[in-house]
Protein backbone atom coordinates (compact mmCIF):
# COMPACT_ATOMS: atom_id res chain seq x y z
CA MET A 1 190.04 -63.81 93.56
CA THR A 2 190.27 -67.28 92.16
CA PRO A 3 186.98 -69.11 91.64
CA ASN A 4 187.15 -71.54 94.57
CA ALA A 5 189.63 -69.85 96.85
CA ALA A 6 188.94 -67.45 99.64
CA SER A 7 192.01 -65.59 100.73
CA SER A 8 191.69 -62.15 102.22
CA ALA A 9 194.74 -61.13 100.52
CA PRO A 10 197.07 -63.72 101.64
CA SER A 11 196.83 -60.74 102.02
CA ARG A 12 195.90 -59.53 98.69
CA ARG A 13 198.87 -61.53 97.52
CA SER A 14 196.54 -64.37 96.49
CA PHE A 15 194.37 -61.81 94.79
CA LEU A 16 197.32 -60.44 92.88
CA ALA A 17 198.48 -63.93 92.04
CA SER A 18 195.41 -64.31 89.85
CA THR A 19 196.21 -61.19 87.84
CA ALA A 20 198.59 -60.26 85.11
CA VAL A 21 200.88 -58.55 87.59
CA ALA A 22 201.41 -61.59 89.75
CA ALA A 23 204.30 -63.07 87.83
CA ALA A 24 206.18 -59.81 87.98
CA ALA A 25 205.47 -59.34 91.67
CA VAL A 26 206.54 -62.83 92.61
CA ALA A 27 209.61 -62.80 90.41
CA GLY A 28 210.67 -59.47 91.84
CA GLY A 29 209.78 -57.63 88.66
CA MET A 30 207.74 -55.02 90.48
CA PRO A 31 209.56 -51.80 91.24
CA LEU A 32 210.92 -51.84 94.76
CA LEU A 33 208.12 -50.31 96.75
CA THR A 34 208.65 -46.64 97.44
CA ALA A 35 206.38 -45.83 100.33
CA CYS A 36 205.26 -42.46 101.54
CA GLY A 37 205.32 -40.48 104.71
CA SER A 38 205.49 -37.04 106.17
CA SER A 39 207.13 -34.41 104.06
CA ASP A 40 210.61 -33.21 104.89
CA SER A 41 211.40 -30.12 102.85
CA GLY A 42 215.09 -30.47 103.59
CA THR A 43 215.38 -33.95 102.17
CA GLY A 44 212.36 -34.47 99.98
CA GLY A 45 211.27 -37.55 101.92
CA GLY A 46 209.94 -38.74 105.22
CA SER A 47 208.44 -41.44 107.39
CA SER A 48 205.09 -42.37 108.88
CA GLY A 49 206.66 -43.60 112.08
CA GLY A 50 206.90 -40.36 114.02
CA LYS A 51 206.82 -40.46 117.80
CA GLY A 52 203.39 -39.81 119.23
CA GLU A 53 201.56 -40.98 116.13
CA LYS A 54 200.16 -44.02 117.92
CA LYS A 55 197.32 -41.80 119.12
CA LEU A 56 196.18 -41.60 115.49
CA LEU A 57 195.67 -45.36 115.24
CA PRO A 58 192.21 -46.92 115.49
CA SER A 59 191.49 -48.98 118.60
CA TYR A 60 191.77 -52.70 117.90
CA VAL A 61 188.65 -54.71 118.69
CA ALA A 62 188.95 -58.34 117.63
CA SER A 63 185.99 -59.73 115.72
CA ASN A 64 184.11 -62.58 117.40
CA VAL A 65 181.50 -63.00 114.67
CA VAL A 66 183.27 -66.04 113.23
CA VAL A 67 185.80 -68.25 115.00
CA PRO A 68 188.56 -69.47 112.66
CA ASP A 69 189.42 -73.16 112.50
CA ILE A 70 193.09 -72.21 112.83
CA PRO A 71 193.90 -69.05 114.81
CA SER A 72 196.71 -66.69 113.91
CA LYS A 73 200.06 -67.50 115.51
CA ASN A 74 203.47 -65.89 115.05
CA GLY A 75 202.04 -63.42 112.56
CA SER A 76 200.32 -66.02 110.38
CA PRO A 77 196.94 -65.58 108.70
CA ILE A 78 193.88 -67.16 110.27
CA GLY A 79 192.68 -70.32 108.54
CA PHE A 80 189.38 -71.98 107.68
CA THR A 81 189.10 -75.62 106.66
CA ALA A 82 185.39 -76.44 107.06
CA LYS A 83 182.90 -76.68 104.23
CA LEU A 84 180.56 -73.73 103.75
CA ASP A 85 176.89 -73.83 104.70
CA LEU A 86 175.19 -70.75 103.30
CA ALA A 87 172.31 -71.22 105.70
CA THR A 88 174.56 -70.70 108.69
CA LEU A 89 176.58 -67.71 107.45
CA LYS A 90 176.91 -65.04 110.13
CA THR A 91 176.00 -61.38 109.78
CA SER A 92 178.76 -58.91 110.64
CA VAL A 93 176.95 -55.71 109.57
CA SER A 94 173.61 -55.65 111.35
CA LYS A 95 172.28 -52.51 109.64
CA LYS A 96 173.03 -50.49 106.54
CA LEU A 97 175.48 -47.75 107.41
CA GLY A 98 175.25 -46.16 103.97
CA LYS A 99 172.83 -43.27 103.58
CA GLY A 100 172.12 -43.78 99.89
CA GLY A 101 174.69 -41.36 98.53
CA LYS A 102 176.85 -41.76 95.43
CA VAL A 103 180.55 -42.66 95.82
CA THR A 104 182.94 -42.83 92.85
CA ILE A 105 185.88 -45.20 93.25
CA MET A 106 188.93 -45.42 90.98
CA SER A 107 190.83 -48.67 91.22
CA PRO A 108 193.25 -50.79 89.19
CA PHE A 109 191.59 -53.60 87.24
CA TRP A 110 193.19 -56.55 85.49
CA GLY A 111 191.00 -57.89 82.73
CA SER A 112 187.89 -56.48 81.06
CA PRO A 113 185.74 -54.44 83.45
CA PRO A 114 182.10 -55.59 83.61
CA LYS A 115 179.14 -53.39 82.72
CA SER A 116 178.23 -50.94 85.46
CA ASP A 117 174.71 -52.34 85.90
CA ASN A 118 175.80 -55.93 86.57
CA ALA A 119 174.10 -58.04 89.25
CA TYR A 120 177.14 -58.08 91.54
CA TYR A 121 177.51 -54.31 91.72
CA LYS A 122 173.75 -53.88 92.23
CA ALA A 123 173.62 -56.42 95.07
CA MET A 124 176.65 -54.95 96.84
CA ASN A 125 175.31 -51.42 96.63
CA ASP A 126 171.96 -52.54 97.99
CA MET A 127 173.62 -54.36 100.90
CA ILE A 128 175.78 -51.35 101.79
CA GLY A 129 173.22 -48.65 101.16
CA VAL A 130 175.54 -46.72 98.86
CA ASP A 131 175.54 -46.10 95.11
CA VAL A 132 179.13 -47.03 94.25
CA VAL A 133 180.19 -46.01 90.74
CA TRP A 134 183.38 -47.75 89.62
CA GLN A 135 186.04 -46.03 87.54
CA ASN A 136 188.13 -49.11 86.77
CA GLN A 137 191.53 -48.49 85.17
CA ASP A 138 193.97 -50.87 83.50
CA GLY A 139 196.13 -52.25 86.31
CA ASN A 140 199.14 -52.65 84.03
CA THR A 141 199.30 -48.91 83.29
CA TYR A 142 197.70 -47.70 86.50
CA ASP A 143 200.65 -45.60 87.63
CA GLN A 144 200.29 -43.39 84.54
CA LYS A 145 196.55 -42.90 85.02
CA LEU A 146 197.00 -42.34 88.74
CA GLY A 147 199.56 -39.61 88.20
CA ALA A 148 197.36 -37.82 85.69
CA VAL A 149 194.24 -37.97 87.87
CA LEU A 150 196.00 -36.81 91.02
CA ALA A 151 197.57 -33.92 89.11
CA SER A 152 194.11 -32.78 88.02
CA SER A 153 191.26 -31.11 89.88
CA ASP A 154 188.90 -33.98 89.09
CA VAL A 155 189.74 -36.63 91.68
CA PRO A 156 187.20 -39.39 92.42
CA ASP A 157 185.72 -39.74 95.91
CA VAL A 158 187.89 -42.81 96.61
CA VAL A 159 191.17 -43.78 94.94
CA VAL A 160 192.93 -47.12 95.43
CA VAL A 161 196.72 -46.88 95.46
CA PRO A 162 198.94 -49.99 95.58
CA SER A 163 202.26 -49.27 97.26
CA TRP A 164 204.19 -50.19 94.10
CA ASN A 165 202.49 -47.20 92.45
CA MET A 166 203.66 -44.78 95.17
CA GLY A 167 206.72 -43.52 93.39
CA GLY A 168 207.50 -40.09 91.99
CA LYS A 169 205.10 -37.34 93.02
CA ILE A 170 202.35 -39.69 94.22
CA PRO A 171 203.27 -39.45 97.95
CA THR A 172 203.02 -35.66 97.87
CA ALA A 173 199.73 -35.90 96.00
CA ILE A 174 198.33 -38.30 98.60
CA ILE A 175 199.06 -35.76 101.33
CA SER A 176 197.56 -32.86 99.42
CA LYS A 177 194.53 -34.59 97.86
CA PHE A 178 193.21 -37.03 100.45
CA ALA A 179 191.31 -36.65 103.70
CA ASP A 180 192.39 -37.10 107.28
CA LEU A 181 190.30 -40.06 108.47
CA GLY A 182 191.36 -39.60 112.09
CA PRO A 183 188.10 -37.90 113.17
CA TYR A 184 186.19 -40.95 111.88
CA LEU A 185 188.54 -43.80 112.79
CA SER A 186 191.24 -42.87 115.34
CA GLY A 187 190.91 -44.38 118.80
CA ASP A 188 187.42 -45.55 119.75
CA ALA A 189 185.80 -43.70 116.83
CA VAL A 190 186.47 -46.79 114.70
CA LYS A 191 183.99 -48.76 116.81
CA ASP A 192 181.24 -47.32 114.61
CA TYR A 193 182.72 -49.67 111.97
CA PRO A 194 183.31 -53.01 113.75
CA ASN A 195 184.91 -54.77 110.78
CA LEU A 196 187.41 -51.93 110.38
CA ALA A 197 188.10 -52.07 114.13
CA ALA A 198 189.13 -55.73 113.68
CA ILE A 199 191.87 -54.84 111.18
CA PRO A 200 195.28 -55.39 112.86
CA THR A 201 197.01 -52.30 114.20
CA ASP A 202 200.18 -52.93 112.16
CA ALA A 203 198.18 -52.49 108.95
CA TRP A 204 196.75 -49.18 110.16
CA GLN A 205 200.26 -47.97 111.01
CA ARG A 206 201.02 -48.10 107.30
CA CYS A 207 198.11 -45.74 106.67
CA ILE A 208 199.64 -42.83 108.60
CA ILE A 209 200.88 -40.56 105.85
CA GLY A 210 201.96 -36.98 106.27
CA GLY A 211 201.19 -37.14 109.98
CA LYS A 212 197.53 -38.09 109.41
CA LEU A 213 195.58 -41.34 109.20
CA ARG A 214 194.69 -41.23 105.51
CA GLY A 215 194.30 -44.75 104.16
CA LEU A 216 192.13 -47.86 104.43
CA PRO A 217 194.39 -50.93 104.33
CA MET A 218 194.39 -54.42 102.92
CA PRO A 219 196.14 -56.28 105.75
CA SER A 220 198.63 -59.02 105.05
CA SER A 221 200.62 -61.47 107.10
CA TYR A 222 204.11 -60.17 107.83
CA VAL A 223 205.49 -63.71 107.57
CA THR A 224 207.30 -64.38 104.29
CA SER A 225 205.01 -65.46 101.47
CA MET A 226 207.85 -66.93 99.39
CA VAL A 227 207.76 -70.71 99.78
CA PRO A 228 210.13 -73.37 98.38
CA LEU A 229 207.42 -75.45 96.70
CA TYR A 230 208.13 -79.06 95.74
CA ARG A 231 206.58 -82.17 94.21
CA LYS A 232 205.81 -84.17 97.34
CA ASP A 233 204.30 -87.04 95.34
CA ILE A 234 207.57 -87.60 93.46
CA PHE A 235 209.66 -87.07 96.60
CA ASP A 236 207.65 -89.78 98.37
CA LYS A 237 207.83 -92.16 95.41
CA GLN A 238 211.59 -91.73 94.92
CA GLY A 239 212.43 -91.59 98.61
CA TYR A 240 213.91 -88.09 98.43
CA GLN A 241 214.33 -86.38 101.80
CA VAL A 242 213.47 -82.71 102.25
CA PRO A 243 216.84 -80.99 102.84
CA ARG A 244 217.72 -79.21 106.07
CA SER A 245 220.86 -77.32 105.03
CA ALA A 246 222.47 -75.70 102.00
CA ASP A 247 224.79 -78.69 101.54
CA GLU A 248 221.92 -81.16 101.78
CA PHE A 249 220.00 -79.21 99.14
CA MET A 250 222.99 -79.32 96.82
CA SER A 251 223.35 -83.09 97.30
CA LEU A 252 219.65 -83.64 96.69
CA ALA A 253 219.80 -81.49 93.55
CA LYS A 254 222.59 -83.68 92.21
CA GLU A 255 220.60 -86.83 92.98
CA ILE A 256 217.47 -85.54 91.22
CA THR A 257 219.06 -84.07 88.11
CA ASN A 258 219.26 -86.13 84.95
CA ALA A 259 219.42 -83.79 81.95
CA LYS A 260 219.21 -86.66 79.44
CA ALA A 261 215.91 -87.70 81.00
CA LYS A 262 214.74 -84.06 80.99
CA ARG A 263 214.66 -83.78 84.74
CA TRP A 264 216.30 -81.03 86.76
CA ALA A 265 216.16 -80.36 90.46
CA CYS A 266 214.81 -76.84 90.52
CA LEU A 267 214.31 -73.40 89.07
CA ASP A 268 216.28 -70.34 90.22
CA MET A 269 216.53 -70.68 94.03
CA LYS A 270 217.82 -67.14 94.70
CA TRP A 271 214.89 -66.18 96.90
CA THR A 272 215.26 -69.32 99.02
CA ALA A 273 218.98 -68.64 99.25
CA PHE A 274 218.28 -65.19 100.65
CA GLN A 275 215.99 -66.76 103.21
CA MET A 276 218.30 -69.51 104.37
CA PHE A 277 221.27 -67.14 104.65
CA GLY A 278 219.18 -64.64 106.64
CA VAL A 279 219.37 -61.77 104.15
CA LEU A 280 217.17 -58.79 105.01
CA SER A 281 213.87 -58.58 103.13
CA GLY A 282 214.14 -56.70 99.86
CA SER A 283 210.42 -56.44 99.16
CA GLU A 284 210.45 -52.75 100.00
CA LYS A 285 213.35 -50.30 100.09
CA ALA A 286 212.96 -49.39 103.76
CA LEU A 287 213.02 -53.07 104.75
CA GLY A 288 216.46 -53.42 103.21
CA TRP A 289 217.90 -51.44 106.12
CA ASN A 290 218.46 -52.57 109.71
CA LEU A 291 220.26 -51.20 112.73
CA VAL A 292 223.12 -53.53 113.69
CA ASP A 293 225.37 -52.66 116.64
CA GLY A 294 224.45 -49.00 116.31
CA LYS A 295 225.05 -48.78 112.55
CA LEU A 296 222.50 -48.91 109.78
CA ILE A 297 223.37 -51.65 107.30
CA ASN A 298 221.79 -52.27 103.92
CA ARG A 299 221.16 -55.86 102.81
CA ILE A 300 223.54 -55.52 99.86
CA GLU A 301 226.43 -54.73 102.24
CA THR A 302 226.18 -57.97 104.18
CA GLN A 303 228.30 -61.07 103.83
CA GLU A 304 225.11 -63.15 103.91
CA TYR A 305 223.94 -61.47 100.72
CA LEU A 306 227.10 -62.47 98.85
CA GLU A 307 227.03 -66.00 100.27
CA ALA A 308 223.42 -66.47 99.15
CA LEU A 309 224.25 -65.35 95.61
CA GLU A 310 227.28 -67.64 95.50
CA TRP A 311 225.21 -70.65 96.61
CA ALA A 312 222.53 -69.91 94.01
CA ARG A 313 225.28 -69.51 91.38
CA LYS A 314 226.69 -72.95 92.20
CA LEU A 315 223.30 -74.56 91.51
CA PHE A 316 223.29 -73.08 88.00
CA ALA A 317 226.96 -73.89 87.41
CA ALA A 318 226.44 -77.53 88.37
CA GLY A 319 223.59 -77.89 85.87
CA TYR A 320 220.92 -78.59 88.49
CA VAL A 321 218.64 -75.72 87.40
CA HIS A 322 216.08 -76.16 84.62
CA PRO A 323 217.26 -74.41 81.42
CA ASP A 324 214.13 -72.23 81.34
CA ALA A 325 215.45 -70.38 84.40
CA MET A 326 218.30 -68.98 82.33
CA MET A 327 215.69 -66.79 80.64
CA GLY A 328 214.93 -64.96 83.88
CA LYS A 329 211.74 -62.90 83.82
CA SER A 330 210.97 -63.91 80.24
CA ALA A 331 210.77 -67.59 81.21
CA PRO A 332 207.42 -69.29 80.51
CA ASP A 333 204.88 -70.13 83.20
CA PRO A 334 206.52 -72.86 85.29
CA GLY A 335 203.23 -74.70 85.87
CA PRO A 336 203.18 -77.13 82.93
CA LYS A 337 206.79 -78.29 83.29
CA PHE A 338 206.45 -78.55 87.07
CA ALA A 339 203.35 -80.71 86.52
CA ALA A 340 205.28 -82.79 83.99
CA GLY A 341 208.05 -83.39 86.53
CA GLU A 342 210.77 -81.64 84.52
CA PHE A 343 211.84 -79.94 87.76
CA LEU A 344 210.75 -80.69 91.32
CA ILE A 345 211.39 -77.53 93.36
CA TYR A 346 210.78 -73.82 92.83
CA PRO A 347 210.29 -70.83 95.13
CA ASN A 348 207.12 -68.85 94.62
CA ASN A 349 204.22 -67.09 96.29
CA ILE A 350 202.33 -69.20 98.83
CA SER A 351 199.13 -68.73 96.81
CA GLN A 352 200.52 -71.14 94.21
CA TRP A 353 200.28 -73.96 96.75
CA TRP A 354 196.52 -73.92 96.30
CA GLY A 355 196.61 -72.70 92.70
CA ARG A 356 198.71 -75.60 91.38
CA THR A 357 196.72 -78.09 93.47
CA ALA A 358 193.42 -76.92 91.99
CA GLU A 359 194.94 -76.77 88.51
CA GLN A 360 195.99 -80.43 88.55
CA ALA A 361 193.19 -81.94 90.68
CA THR A 362 191.22 -83.55 87.86
CA GLN A 363 193.85 -84.22 85.22
CA ASN A 364 196.60 -85.51 87.52
CA PRO A 365 195.09 -86.88 90.77
CA SER A 366 198.43 -88.15 92.09
CA PHE A 367 200.00 -84.67 91.82
CA LYS A 368 200.87 -83.17 95.21
CA ILE A 369 202.61 -79.87 95.68
CA TRP A 370 203.86 -78.99 99.15
CA GLY A 371 206.00 -76.38 100.86
CA MET A 372 209.44 -77.01 102.35
CA ASP A 373 210.18 -75.43 105.70
CA ILE A 374 212.95 -72.88 105.24
CA PHE A 375 216.18 -73.95 106.90
CA GLY A 376 219.31 -72.17 107.99
CA HIS A 377 222.15 -72.64 105.50
CA ASP A 378 224.22 -74.42 108.19
CA GLY A 379 221.41 -76.76 109.21
CA GLY A 380 220.23 -74.63 112.12
CA ASN A 381 217.12 -72.51 112.42
CA PRO A 382 216.60 -69.85 109.75
CA GLN A 383 216.63 -66.11 110.40
CA LEU A 384 213.71 -64.67 108.46
CA TRP A 385 212.65 -61.04 108.14
CA ALA A 386 209.14 -59.60 108.26
CA GLU A 387 207.38 -58.23 105.22
CA GLN A 388 205.21 -55.13 105.47
CA PRO A 389 201.74 -55.74 106.99
CA ALA A 390 199.78 -53.94 104.23
CA GLY A 391 200.52 -53.02 100.62
CA ILE A 392 197.33 -51.71 98.97
CA PHE A 393 195.37 -48.72 100.26
CA ALA A 394 192.18 -46.77 99.53
CA PHE A 395 192.10 -43.01 100.09
CA ILE A 396 189.14 -40.65 100.37
CA ASN A 397 189.09 -37.28 98.61
CA LYS A 398 189.86 -34.34 100.89
CA LYS A 399 187.02 -32.40 99.21
CA ALA A 400 184.44 -35.12 99.94
CA SER A 401 181.55 -34.08 102.15
CA GLN A 402 181.14 -35.73 105.53
CA SER A 403 178.23 -37.77 104.15
CA VAL A 404 180.40 -39.08 101.28
CA VAL A 405 183.18 -39.99 103.73
CA ARG A 406 180.67 -41.86 105.89
CA ASP A 407 179.28 -43.68 102.85
CA ALA A 408 182.80 -44.67 101.74
CA LEU A 409 183.52 -46.00 105.23
CA ALA A 410 180.26 -47.94 105.06
CA VAL A 411 181.59 -49.61 101.91
CA ALA A 412 184.86 -50.47 103.66
CA ASN A 413 183.07 -51.86 106.71
CA VAL A 414 181.30 -54.39 104.47
CA THR A 415 184.32 -55.31 102.35
CA ALA A 416 186.38 -55.86 105.53
CA ALA A 417 183.90 -58.46 106.82
CA PRO A 418 185.50 -61.74 107.94
CA TYR A 419 185.30 -65.05 106.12
CA GLY A 420 182.18 -67.01 107.03
CA THR A 421 179.86 -64.00 106.90
CA LYS A 422 177.17 -62.99 104.44
CA GLU A 423 179.10 -59.81 103.69
CA TYR A 424 182.30 -61.70 102.87
CA MET A 425 180.46 -64.04 100.49
CA ALA A 426 178.76 -61.11 98.79
CA THR A 427 182.04 -59.19 98.45
CA ASN A 428 184.16 -62.09 97.22
CA TYR A 429 181.67 -64.30 95.37
CA GLY A 430 178.72 -62.11 94.40
CA VAL A 431 175.13 -63.27 93.97
CA GLU A 432 174.34 -66.92 94.65
CA GLY A 433 172.98 -68.62 91.55
CA ALA A 434 174.14 -65.90 89.19
CA ASP A 435 177.79 -65.43 90.17
CA TYR A 436 178.45 -68.66 92.03
CA THR A 437 176.97 -71.95 93.11
CA VAL A 438 177.85 -74.11 96.11
CA LYS A 439 178.67 -77.76 95.45
CA ASN A 440 179.42 -79.98 98.43
CA GLY A 441 180.18 -76.96 100.58
CA VAL A 442 182.53 -75.43 98.01
CA PRO A 443 181.63 -72.13 96.31
CA VAL A 444 182.31 -72.26 92.57
CA LYS A 445 182.08 -69.14 90.45
CA THR A 446 180.07 -69.24 87.26
CA THR A 447 181.32 -67.70 84.03
CA GLN A 448 179.34 -64.61 84.95
CA GLY A 449 180.96 -64.55 88.39
CA ASN A 450 184.44 -64.83 86.96
CA ASN A 451 183.69 -61.88 84.69
CA GLU A 452 181.94 -59.67 87.24
CA VAL A 453 183.22 -60.50 90.73
CA ASN A 454 186.77 -59.43 90.18
CA ASN A 455 189.06 -56.55 91.17
CA ALA A 456 186.34 -54.32 92.63
CA TYR A 457 185.00 -54.11 96.19
CA VAL A 458 187.83 -56.24 97.55
CA MET A 459 190.16 -53.33 96.77
CA VAL A 460 188.55 -50.91 99.25
CA ALA A 461 189.48 -52.67 102.50
CA SER A 462 189.97 -56.24 103.71
CA PRO A 463 189.74 -58.30 106.89
CA ALA A 464 192.77 -59.63 108.72
CA ALA A 465 194.87 -61.96 106.54
CA THR A 466 192.84 -65.11 105.95
CA VAL A 467 193.37 -68.41 104.14
CA ALA A 468 190.33 -70.54 103.30
CA HIS A 469 190.09 -73.24 100.67
CA PRO A 470 186.97 -75.34 101.31
CA ASP A 471 187.76 -77.36 98.18
CA PHE A 472 191.24 -78.29 99.49
CA PRO A 473 191.13 -77.84 103.28
CA GLU A 474 194.36 -79.75 103.77
CA VAL A 475 196.15 -77.11 101.68
CA ALA A 476 194.64 -74.25 103.69
CA LYS A 477 195.74 -75.95 106.91
CA ALA A 478 199.23 -76.57 105.56
CA GLN A 479 199.63 -72.97 104.32
CA VAL A 480 198.68 -71.45 107.66
CA GLU A 481 200.76 -73.90 109.67
CA TRP A 482 203.77 -73.27 107.41
CA GLN A 483 203.53 -69.55 108.09
CA GLN A 484 203.07 -70.23 111.81
CA ARG A 485 206.29 -72.24 111.86
CA MET A 486 208.21 -69.71 109.78
CA GLY A 487 206.78 -66.87 111.87
CA ALA A 488 208.59 -68.29 114.89
CA PHE A 489 211.88 -67.46 113.16
CA THR A 490 210.81 -64.05 111.83
CA LYS A 491 212.12 -60.71 113.10
CA LYS A 492 210.98 -57.18 112.31
CA SER A 493 213.67 -54.89 110.98
CA SER A 494 214.11 -51.27 112.03
CA PHE A 495 211.63 -49.75 109.58
CA TYR A 496 208.95 -52.43 109.79
CA GLY A 497 205.44 -51.01 109.56
CA GLN A 498 206.49 -47.54 108.47
CA MET A 499 205.66 -45.79 105.24
CA ILE A 500 208.86 -44.29 103.87
CA THR A 501 209.44 -41.81 101.09
CA GLU A 502 213.06 -41.68 100.06
CA PRO A 503 214.33 -38.32 98.74
CA SER A 504 213.88 -38.21 94.99
CA ARG A 505 217.61 -37.94 94.34
CA TYR A 506 218.00 -41.52 95.62
CA THR A 507 215.07 -42.98 93.69
CA ASN A 508 217.11 -44.93 91.14
CA LEU A 509 220.15 -45.62 93.27
CA GLY A 510 219.57 -49.36 93.57
CA ASP A 511 217.87 -50.02 90.24
CA ASN A 512 220.54 -52.26 88.74
CA PHE A 513 221.08 -54.64 91.63
CA GLU A 514 218.40 -57.17 90.77
CA THR A 515 219.73 -57.52 87.22
CA LEU A 516 223.24 -57.94 88.57
CA GLU A 517 222.05 -60.58 91.04
CA ASP A 518 220.56 -62.59 88.21
CA ASP A 519 223.65 -62.16 86.06
CA ILE A 520 225.80 -63.49 88.90
CA THR A 521 223.61 -66.51 89.65
CA ARG A 522 223.61 -67.40 85.94
CA GLY A 523 227.38 -67.06 85.62
CA ARG A 524 227.41 -63.97 83.44
CA LYS A 525 228.98 -61.84 86.18
CA LYS A 526 231.14 -62.54 89.23
CA ILE A 527 230.76 -61.93 92.95
CA SER A 528 233.53 -59.37 92.60
CA ASP A 529 231.25 -57.43 90.23
CA MET A 530 228.71 -57.18 93.03
CA GLN A 531 231.35 -56.04 95.49
CA GLN A 532 232.34 -53.30 93.07
CA ALA A 533 228.70 -52.34 92.53
CA VAL A 534 228.18 -52.02 96.29
CA SER A 535 231.28 -49.84 96.54
CA ASP A 536 229.95 -47.64 93.73
CA TRP A 537 226.53 -47.52 95.38
CA LYS A 538 228.06 -46.31 98.66
CA SER A 539 230.11 -43.56 97.05
CA GLY A 540 227.31 -42.66 94.63
CA GLY A 541 224.79 -41.87 97.36
CA GLY A 542 224.36 -45.00 99.47
CA ASP A 543 226.32 -43.62 102.43
CA LYS A 544 224.33 -40.36 102.29
CA LEU A 545 221.10 -42.35 102.10
CA ARG A 546 222.26 -44.26 105.18
CA ASP A 547 222.67 -40.96 107.03
CA TRP A 548 219.18 -39.95 105.92
CA TYR A 549 217.66 -43.19 107.25
CA LYS A 550 219.62 -42.87 110.48
CA LYS A 551 218.18 -39.38 110.99
CA LEU A 552 214.68 -40.79 110.50
CA LEU A 553 215.41 -43.48 113.04
CA ASP A 554 216.77 -41.02 115.57
CA GLU A 555 213.75 -38.75 115.15
CA ASN A 556 210.98 -41.32 114.91
CA GLY A 557 212.21 -44.43 116.66
CA THR A 558 211.53 -47.90 115.29
CA ALA A 559 208.25 -49.68 114.67
CA ALA A 560 209.94 -53.07 114.95
CA GLY A 561 208.93 -55.45 117.69
């Protein structure tokens, strides 16, 4: 978490945006997420979306402990804009559910893990009534450590698994190594843990793996988190109008760009192009498929996909894109040159709306970053596609005793507390005075807090997607309202909400497409090269993979709404 921001994982996306992996995730550098589901010995893969599995889901009981300033709408997060008063924080866990047992938790960690006896860990364990012992592992190499641990007989009581680490043999290991939480959480059983009961059902759906409810989720908004961010202060000063079509964007880019004056319109706008041309979400392999007129179509087979790449290519060809963008993933952090006004528009994770605002608040008071509403390429409404409603999960060891399972769930019930509660402040900010102070209603982490309150308890479970920035309430309001507006144009594709394991023989089938996309937009390859690549993909396994997905759909139905 960032020092002054409270975001229950804009869904964990804000959390990740403060780590070393954020740049890769936002730029698309993460591996396409290979999710996991029930085993299918004939194909080597499966899905979580089997018919009849709804009975495994926990009952949903909305939390009324804290009323948000901005309620969720169209799949958006909830929002908070008021200043914090520690004296009026609510209590969401009225009694300790932990029975004093020891629970070991392995989790990815970005940065230097704190000492095990730090004040934050001690305070959290005392609040929960559990002796949590952290086995923090380097987040950048977590997949390697995860594979080794799950292949051994020495598995911690709780293991956190991000969905981007669910490739290879990990899905099978999850099924064989981790407990069925159904007896503790399915149906009304979850009411023993009110904060877990308030987690949205869609997020729990993603936790059904191998026909059992196995995971504890970090919920996220299904509305796109990729925002076309722009310098509103310069737009207002120069009289630039926010575009409402692909042609208007191109005209504006021409007006803004003056290479001699070191000003360009934008960075690579590929992600915005995909959005305005209505291309299926590519954030997870299963989301790249959708049933259209009775036939499953992959995003790369659509005309919209080619049109989006061509439009993004034209921006580069015309010289409207900042030269740094030619470097692709190796490009430097865009923040300094965006702040300097060298380019005025770039698509990125919604968490940067607050991040850049806070970054520039003291040194550049006139700086104002804002988010453009996504538009249809023809000037009409956009067609946006839902992202998955959870992407990081905690699993409990199948060998754990019932008392250890109960203690682990006690931990999750505290970490899933809503914003505005004592439990949320303890989980996300630590110990008042030591880890953070409150100035004018804004919690500010100390150096100790930044070192200690990081990457730990927040990884076990989270409340419903939340945005709260008491230091910049206007940004929190704008972020939530942006997602509310975009949510009105968002559809769920055929495999929304399901955990999918593709057969291993298809694992690398689409590996080269992102590189080819970037080569095309930068003029190194042609649209015809993509058409050939799609043809090769179909004959090389894509058509067989389509049949495999269609069989899943026929057997399990769709989770889309």
